[in-house]
Amino acid sequence: LRADYQQIKGDFQAREKERDSLANKEALLSKWE
């Protein structure tokens, strides 16, 4: 259960990085627009 829990947290943190990267790209695109 501890290993499962750590995996779930890791999955969220990986998706959080994706979301932050997406937000940065959106902000950059808005500037270019």
All heavy atoms as atom14 arrays in JSON, in Angstrom:
{
  "sequence": "LRADYQQIKGDFQAREKERDSLANKEALLSKWE",
  "atom14_mask": [
    [1, 1, 1, 1, 1, 1, 1, 1, 0, 0, 0, 0, 0, 0],
    [1, 1, 1, 1, 1, 1, 1, 1, 1, 1, 1, 0, 0, 0],
    [1, 1, 1, 1, 1, 0, 0, 0, 0, 0, 0, 0, 0, 0],
    [1, 1, 1, 1, 1, 1, 1, 1, 0, 0, 0, 0, 0, 0],
    [1, 1, 1, 1, 1, 1, 1, 1, 1, 1, 1, 1, 0, 0],
    [1, 1, 1, 1, 1, 1, 1, 1, 1, 0, 0, 0, 0, 0],
    [1, 1, 1, 1, 1, 1, 1, 1, 1, 0, 0, 0, 0, 0],
    [1, 1, 1, 1, 1, 1, 1, 1, 0, 0, 0, 0, 0, 0],
    [1, 1, 1, 1, 1, 1, 1, 1, 1, 0, 0, 0, 0, 0],
    [1, 1, 1, 1, 0, 0, 0, 0, 0, 0, 0, 0, 0, 0],
    [1, 1, 1, 1, 1, 1, 1, 1, 0, 0, 0, 0, 0, 0],
    [1, 1, 1, 1, 1, 1, 1, 1, 1, 1, 1, 0, 0, 0],
    [1, 1, 1, 1, 1, 1, 1, 1, 1, 0, 0, 0, 0, 0],
    [1, 1, 1, 1, 1, 0, 0, 0, 0, 0, 0, 0, 0, 0],
    [1, 1, 1, 1, 1, 1, 1, 1, 1, 1, 1, 0, 0, 0],
    [1, 1, 1, 1, 1, 1, 1, 1, 1, 0, 0, 0, 0, 0],
    [1, 1, 1, 1, 1, 1, 1, 1, 1, 0, 0, 0, 0, 0],
    [1, 1, 1, 1, 1, 1, 1, 1, 1, 0, 0, 0, 0, 0],
    [1, 1, 1, 1, 1, 1, 1, 1, 1, 1, 1, 0, 0, 0],
    [1, 1, 1, 1, 1, 1, 1, 1, 0, 0, 0, 0, 0, 0],
    [1, 1, 1, 1, 1, 1, 0, 0, 0, 0, 0, 0, 0, 0],
    [1, 1, 1, 1, 1, 1, 1, 1, 0, 0, 0, 0, 0, 0],
    [1, 1, 1, 1, 1, 0, 0, 0, 0, 0, 0, 0, 0, 0],
    [1, 1, 1, 1, 1, 1, 1, 1, 0, 0, 0, 0, 0, 0],
    [1, 1, 1, 1, 1, 1, 1, 1, 1, 0, 0, 0, 0, 0],
    [1, 1, 1, 1, 1, 1, 1, 1, 1, 0, 0, 0, 0, 0],
    [1, 1, 1, 1, 1, 0, 0, 0, 0, 0, 0, 0, 0, 0],
    [1, 1, 1, 1, 1, 1, 1, 1, 0, 0, 0, 0, 0, 0],
    [1, 1, 1, 1, 1, 1, 1, 1, 0, 0, 0, 0, 0, 0],
    [1, 1, 1, 1, 1, 1, 0, 0, 0, 0, 0, 0, 0, 0],
    [1, 1, 1, 1, 1, 1, 1, 1, 1, 0, 0, 0, 0, 0],
    [1, 1, 1, 1, 1, 1, 1, 1, 1, 1, 1, 1, 1, 1],
    [1, 1, 1, 1, 1, 1, 1, 1, 1, 0, 0, 0, 0, 0]
  ],
  "atom14_positions": [
    [[0.83, -1.2, 0.0], [0.0, 0.0, 0.0], [0.87, 1.26, 0.0], [0.55, 2.24, -0.67], [-0.93, 0.0, 1.22], [-2.04, 1.06, 1.21], [-2.96, 0.86, 0.02], [-2.84, 1.0, 2.5], [0.0, 0.0, 0.0], [0.0, 0.0, 0.0], [0.0, 0.0, 0.0], [0.0, 0.0, 0.0], [0.0, 0.0, 0.0], [0.0, 0.0, 0.0]],
    [[1.97, 1.21, 0.74], [2.87, 2.36, 0.77], [3.47, 2.61, -0.62], [3.58, 3.76, -1.07], [3.99, 2.14, 1.79], [4.9, 3.36, 1.97], [5.95, 3.14, 3.04], [5.34, 3.05, 4.36], [5.23, 1.94, 5.08], [5.7, 0.8, 4.6], [4.66, 1.95, 6.27], [0.0, 0.0, 0.0], [0.0, 0.0, 0.0], [0.0, 0.0, 0.0]],
    [[3.85, 1.52, -1.3], [4.4, 1.66, -2.65], [3.35, 2.2, -3.62], [3.64, 3.06, -4.46], [4.92, 0.31, -3.15], [0.0, 0.0, 0.0], [0.0, 0.0, 0.0], [0.0, 0.0, 0.0], [0.0, 0.0, 0.0], [0.0, 0.0, 0.0], [0.0, 0.0, 0.0], [0.0, 0.0, 0.0], [0.0, 0.0, 0.0], [0.0, 0.0, 0.0]],
    [[2.11, 1.72, -3.49], [1.02, 2.22, -4.33], [0.79, 3.71, -4.1], [0.6, 4.47, -5.05], [-0.28, 1.44, -4.05], [-0.25, 0.03, -4.58], [0.66, -0.28, -5.39], [-1.11, -0.77, -4.19], [0.0, 0.0, 0.0], [0.0, 0.0, 0.0], [0.0, 0.0, 0.0], [0.0, 0.0, 0.0], [0.0, 0.0, 0.0], [0.0, 0.0, 0.0]],
    [[0.8, 4.09, -2.84], [0.56, 5.48, -2.48], [1.64, 6.39, -3.05], [1.34, 7.46, -3.62], [0.5, 5.61, -0.96], [0.42, 7.02, -0.44], [-0.6, 7.89, -0.84], [1.37, 7.5, 0.48], [-0.66, 9.19, -0.37], [1.31, 8.79, 0.96], [0.28, 9.63, 0.54], [0.23, 10.93, 1.01], [0.0, 0.0, 0.0], [0.0, 0.0, 0.0]],
    [[2.89, 5.98, -2.94], [3.99, 6.77, -3.48], [3.89, 6.88, -5.01], [4.19, 7.93, -5.59], [5.34, 6.16, -3.08], [5.64, 6.22, -1.6], [5.66, 7.63, -1.05], [6.06, 8.57, -1.75], [5.24, 7.81, 0.2], [0.0, 0.0, 0.0], [0.0, 0.0, 0.0], [0.0, 0.0, 0.0], [0.0, 0.0, 0.0], [0.0, 0.0, 0.0]],
    [[3.43, 5.8, -5.65], [3.26, 5.82, -7.09], [2.18, 6.81, -7.51], [2.33, 7.56, -8.49], [2.89, 4.42, -7.59], [2.69, 4.32, -9.11], [3.95, 4.62, -9.88], [4.99, 4.04, -9.62], [3.87, 5.55, -10.83], [0.0, 0.0, 0.0], [0.0, 0.0, 0.0], [0.0, 0.0, 0.0], [0.0, 0.0, 0.0], [0.0, 0.0, 0.0]],
    [[1.08, 6.83, -6.75], [-0.01, 7.76, -7.05], [0.46, 9.2, -6.91], [0.17, 10.06, -7.75], [-1.22, 7.49, -6.13], [-1.78, 6.09, -6.37], [-2.32, 8.52, -6.37], [-2.75, 5.63, -5.3], [0.0, 0.0, 0.0], [0.0, 0.0, 0.0], [0.0, 0.0, 0.0], [0.0, 0.0, 0.0], [0.0, 0.0, 0.0], [0.0, 0.0, 0.0]],
    [[1.2, 9.47, -5.83], [1.74, 10.83, -5.65], [2.68, 11.2, -6.8], [2.64, 12.32, -7.31], [2.48, 10.93, -4.31], [1.58, 10.95, -3.1], [2.22, 11.64, -1.91], [3.47, 10.99, -1.43], [4.01, 11.63, -0.2], [0.0, 0.0, 0.0], [0.0, 0.0, 0.0], [0.0, 0.0, 0.0], [0.0, 0.0, 0.0], [0.0, 0.0, 0.0]],
    [[3.51, 10.24, -7.2], [4.43, 10.49, -8.3], [3.7, 10.76, -9.61], [4.12, 11.62, -10.39], [0.0, 0.0, 0.0], [0.0, 0.0, 0.0], [0.0, 0.0, 0.0], [0.0, 0.0, 0.0], [0.0, 0.0, 0.0], [0.0, 0.0, 0.0], [0.0, 0.0, 0.0], [0.0, 0.0, 0.0], [0.0, 0.0, 0.0], [0.0, 0.0, 0.0]],
    [[2.6, 10.04, -9.83], [1.81, 10.27, -11.05], [1.25, 11.69, -11.07], [1.28, 12.36, -12.11], [0.64, 9.27, -11.12], [1.12, 7.85, -11.41], [2.28, 7.69, -11.84], [0.33, 6.91, -11.19], [0.0, 0.0, 0.0], [0.0, 0.0, 0.0], [0.0, 0.0, 0.0], [0.0, 0.0, 0.0], [0.0, 0.0, 0.0], [0.0, 0.0, 0.0]],
    [[0.74, 12.14, -9.93], [0.19, 13.5, -9.87], [1.3, 14.52, -10.12], [1.1, 15.49, -10.87], [-0.46, 13.76, -8.51], [-1.06, 15.14, -8.41], [-2.38, 15.36, -8.78], [-0.31, 16.22, -7.96], [-2.95, 16.64, -8.71], [-0.86, 17.5, -7.89], [-2.19, 17.7, -8.26], [0.0, 0.0, 0.0], [0.0, 0.0, 0.0], [0.0, 0.0, 0.0]],
    [[2.45, 14.32, -9.5], [3.53, 15.29, -9.64], [4.05, 15.35, -11.07], [4.42, 16.43, -11.56], [4.65, 14.95, -8.65], [4.26, 15.22, -7.2], [5.1, 14.47, -6.19], [5.88, 13.58, -6.54], [4.94, 14.81, -4.91], [0.0, 0.0, 0.0], [0.0, 0.0, 0.0], [0.0, 0.0, 0.0], [0.0, 0.0, 0.0], [0.0, 0.0, 0.0]],
    [[4.05, 14.2, -11.76], [4.45, 14.19, -13.17], [3.44, 14.97, -14.02], [3.82, 15.75, -14.9], [4.57, 12.75, -13.67], [0.0, 0.0, 0.0], [0.0, 0.0, 0.0], [0.0, 0.0, 0.0], [0.0, 0.0, 0.0], [0.0, 0.0, 0.0], [0.0, 0.0, 0.0], [0.0, 0.0, 0.0], [0.0, 0.0, 0.0], [0.0, 0.0, 0.0]],
    [[2.16, 14.76, -13.74], [1.12, 15.48, -14.47], [1.15, 16.98, -14.13], [0.83, 17.83, -14.98], [-0.25, 14.89, -14.15], [-0.42, 13.45, -14.59], [-0.48, 13.35, -16.09], [-1.82, 13.67, -16.58], [-2.11, 13.97, -17.83], [-1.15, 14.0, -18.74], [-3.35, 14.23, -18.2], [0.0, 0.0, 0.0], [0.0, 0.0, 0.0], [0.0, 0.0, 0.0]],
    [[1.55, 17.29, -12.91], [1.67, 18.69, -12.51], [2.75, 19.38, -13.35], [2.57, 20.53, -13.79], [2.02, 18.78, -11.03], [2.15, 20.2, -10.51], [2.49, 20.25, -9.03], [2.85, 19.2, -8.46], [2.38, 21.34, -8.45], [0.0, 0.0, 0.0], [0.0, 0.0, 0.0], [0.0, 0.0, 0.0], [0.0, 0.0, 0.0], [0.0, 0.0, 0.0]],
    [[3.85, 18.69, -13.59], [4.9, 19.26, -14.44], [4.4, 19.48, -15.86], [4.72, 20.48, -16.5], [6.13, 18.33, -14.44], [6.89, 18.31, -13.13], [8.09, 17.38, -13.21], [8.85, 17.36, -11.88], [10.01, 16.43, -11.92], [0.0, 0.0, 0.0], [0.0, 0.0, 0.0], [0.0, 0.0, 0.0], [0.0, 0.0, 0.0], [0.0, 0.0, 0.0]],
    [[3.6, 18.51, -16.35], [3.01, 18.66, -17.68], [2.11, 19.9, -17.74], [2.13, 20.66, -18.71], [2.2, 17.43, -18.06], [3.03, 16.18, -18.34], [2.15, 15.0, -18.7], [1.08, 15.22, -19.3], [2.51, 13.86, -18.38], [0.0, 0.0, 0.0], [0.0, 0.0, 0.0], [0.0, 0.0, 0.0], [0.0, 0.0, 0.0], [0.0, 0.0, 0.0]],
    [[1.31, 20.06, -16.68], [0.38, 21.21, -16.64], [1.15, 22.52, -16.58], [0.78, 23.49, -17.24], [-0.54, 21.06, -15.43], [-1.52, 22.23, -15.25], [-2.49, 22.33, -16.41], [-3.39, 23.46, -16.31], [-3.09, 24.7, -16.61], [-1.87, 25.01, -17.02], [-3.99, 25.66, -16.52], [0.0, 0.0, 0.0], [0.0, 0.0, 0.0], [0.0, 0.0, 0.0]],
    [[2.21, 22.56, -15.79], [3.01, 23.78, -15.7], [3.67, 24.1, -17.05], [3.74, 25.26, -17.46], [4.08, 23.63, -14.62], [3.48, 23.59, -13.22], [2.3, 23.99, -13.07], [4.18, 23.15, -12.3], [0.0, 0.0, 0.0], [0.0, 0.0, 0.0], [0.0, 0.0, 0.0], [0.0, 0.0, 0.0], [0.0, 0.0, 0.0], [0.0, 0.0, 0.0]],
    [[4.14, 23.04, -17.73], [4.75, 23.23, -19.05], [3.71, 23.74, -20.05], [3.98, 24.64, -20.85], [5.35, 21.91, -19.55], [5.86, 22.04, -20.85], [0.0, 0.0, 0.0], [0.0, 0.0, 0.0], [0.0, 0.0, 0.0], [0.0, 0.0, 0.0], [0.0, 0.0, 0.0], [0.0, 0.0, 0.0], [0.0, 0.0, 0.0], [0.0, 0.0, 0.0]],
    [[2.52, 23.17, -19.98], [1.42, 23.6, -20.85], [1.06, 25.06, -20.59], [0.83, 25.84, -21.53], [0.21, 22.7, -20.64], [-1.01, 22.92, -21.54], [-0.64, 22.69, -23.0], [-2.15, 22.01, -21.13], [0.0, 0.0, 0.0], [0.0, 0.0, 0.0], [0.0, 0.0, 0.0], [0.0, 0.0, 0.0], [0.0, 0.0, 0.0], [0.0, 0.0, 0.0]],
    [[1.01, 25.43, -19.31], [0.69, 26.82, -18.95], [1.75, 27.77, -19.48], [1.43, 28.87, -19.97], [0.55, 26.94, -17.44], [0.0, 0.0, 0.0], [0.0, 0.0, 0.0], [0.0, 0.0, 0.0], [0.0, 0.0, 0.0], [0.0, 0.0, 0.0], [0.0, 0.0, 0.0], [0.0, 0.0, 0.0], [0.0, 0.0, 0.0], [0.0, 0.0, 0.0]],
    [[3.01, 27.37, -19.4], [4.1, 28.21, -19.91], [3.98, 28.4, -21.43], [4.19, 29.5, -21.95], [5.45, 27.61, -19.56], [5.75, 27.67, -18.07], [5.19, 28.5, -17.36], [6.61, 26.79, -17.59], [0.0, 0.0, 0.0], [0.0, 0.0, 0.0], [0.0, 0.0, 0.0], [0.0, 0.0, 0.0], [0.0, 0.0, 0.0], [0.0, 0.0, 0.0]],
    [[3.63, 27.31, -22.11], [3.47, 27.39, -23.57], [2.29, 28.29, -23.94], [2.36, 29.06, -24.9], [3.26, 25.99, -24.16], [4.51, 25.12, -24.14], [4.23, 23.74, -24.72], [5.49, 22.87, -24.69], [5.21, 21.5, -25.19], [0.0, 0.0, 0.0], [0.0, 0.0, 0.0], [0.0, 0.0, 0.0], [0.0, 0.0, 0.0], [0.0, 0.0, 0.0]],
    [[1.21, 28.18, -23.18], [0.04, 29.02, -23.44], [0.36, 30.5, -23.23], [-0.07, 31.36, -24.0], [-1.12, 28.59, -22.54], [-1.71, 27.24, -22.92], [-2.79, 26.79, -21.94], [-2.92, 27.43, -20.87], [-3.47, 25.79, -22.24], [0.0, 0.0, 0.0], [0.0, 0.0, 0.0], [0.0, 0.0, 0.0], [0.0, 0.0, 0.0], [0.0, 0.0, 0.0]],
    [[1.12, 30.77, -22.16], [1.51, 32.16, -21.89], [2.41, 32.69, -23.0], [2.28, 33.84, -23.43], [2.22, 32.25, -20.54], [0.0, 0.0, 0.0], [0.0, 0.0, 0.0], [0.0, 0.0, 0.0], [0.0, 0.0, 0.0], [0.0, 0.0, 0.0], [0.0, 0.0, 0.0], [0.0, 0.0, 0.0], [0.0, 0.0, 0.0], [0.0, 0.0, 0.0]],
    [[3.33, 31.83, -23.47], [4.23, 32.25, -24.55], [3.46, 32.47, -25.84], [3.7, 33.45, -26.57], [5.31, 31.18, -24.75], [6.4, 31.49, -25.79], [7.15, 32.77, -25.41], [7.36, 30.31, -25.92], [0.0, 0.0, 0.0], [0.0, 0.0, 0.0], [0.0, 0.0, 0.0], [0.0, 0.0, 0.0], [0.0, 0.0, 0.0], [0.0, 0.0, 0.0]],
    [[2.5, 31.58, -26.13], [1.68, 31.74, -27.33], [0.86, 33.03, -27.28], [0.73, 33.74, -28.28], [0.76, 30.54, -27.5], [-0.19, 30.57, -28.72], [0.61, 30.67, -30.02], [-1.09, 29.34, -28.73], [0.0, 0.0, 0.0], [0.0, 0.0, 0.0], [0.0, 0.0, 0.0], [0.0, 0.0, 0.0], [0.0, 0.0, 0.0], [0.0, 0.0, 0.0]],
    [[0.33, 33.34, -26.1], [-0.44, 34.58, -25.94], [0.43, 35.8, -26.25], [-0.03, 36.76, -26.88], [-1.0, 34.67, -24.52], [-1.96, 33.65, -24.3], [0.0, 0.0, 0.0], [0.0, 0.0, 0.0], [0.0, 0.0, 0.0], [0.0, 0.0, 0.0], [0.0, 0.0, 0.0], [0.0, 0.0, 0.0], [0.0, 0.0, 0.0], [0.0, 0.0, 0.0]],
    [[1.68, 35.75, -25.8], [2.6, 36.87, -26.07], [2.85, 37.0, -27.57], [2.82, 38.11, -28.13], [3.93, 36.66, -25.34], [4.95, 37.75, -25.6], [6.26, 37.46, -24.92], [7.28, 38.58, -25.17], [7.53, 38.82, -26.62], [0.0, 0.0, 0.0], [0.0, 0.0, 0.0], [0.0, 0.0, 0.0], [0.0, 0.0, 0.0], [0.0, 0.0, 0.0]],
    [[3.07, 35.89, -28.24], [3.31, 35.92, -29.69], [2.06, 36.39, -30.43], [2.16, 37.09, -31.44], [3.74, 34.54, -30.18], [5.23, 34.34, -30.03], [5.91, 33.97, -28.91], [6.2, 34.51, -31.06], [7.25, 33.9, -29.15], [7.46, 34.23, -30.47], [6.15, 34.88, -32.39], [8.66, 34.31, -31.2], [7.34, 34.96, -33.12], [8.58, 34.68, -32.52]],
    [[0.9, 36.01, -29.96], [-0.33, 36.48, -30.6], [-0.46, 37.99, -30.48], [-0.87, 38.67, -31.45], [-1.54, 35.79, -29.97], [-1.7, 34.33, -30.38], [-2.89, 33.66, -29.74], [-3.31, 34.12, -28.65], [-3.4, 32.69, -30.3], [0.0, 0.0, 0.0], [0.0, 0.0, 0.0], [0.0, 0.0, 0.0], [0.0, 0.0, 0.0], [0.0, 0.0, 0.0]]
  ]
}
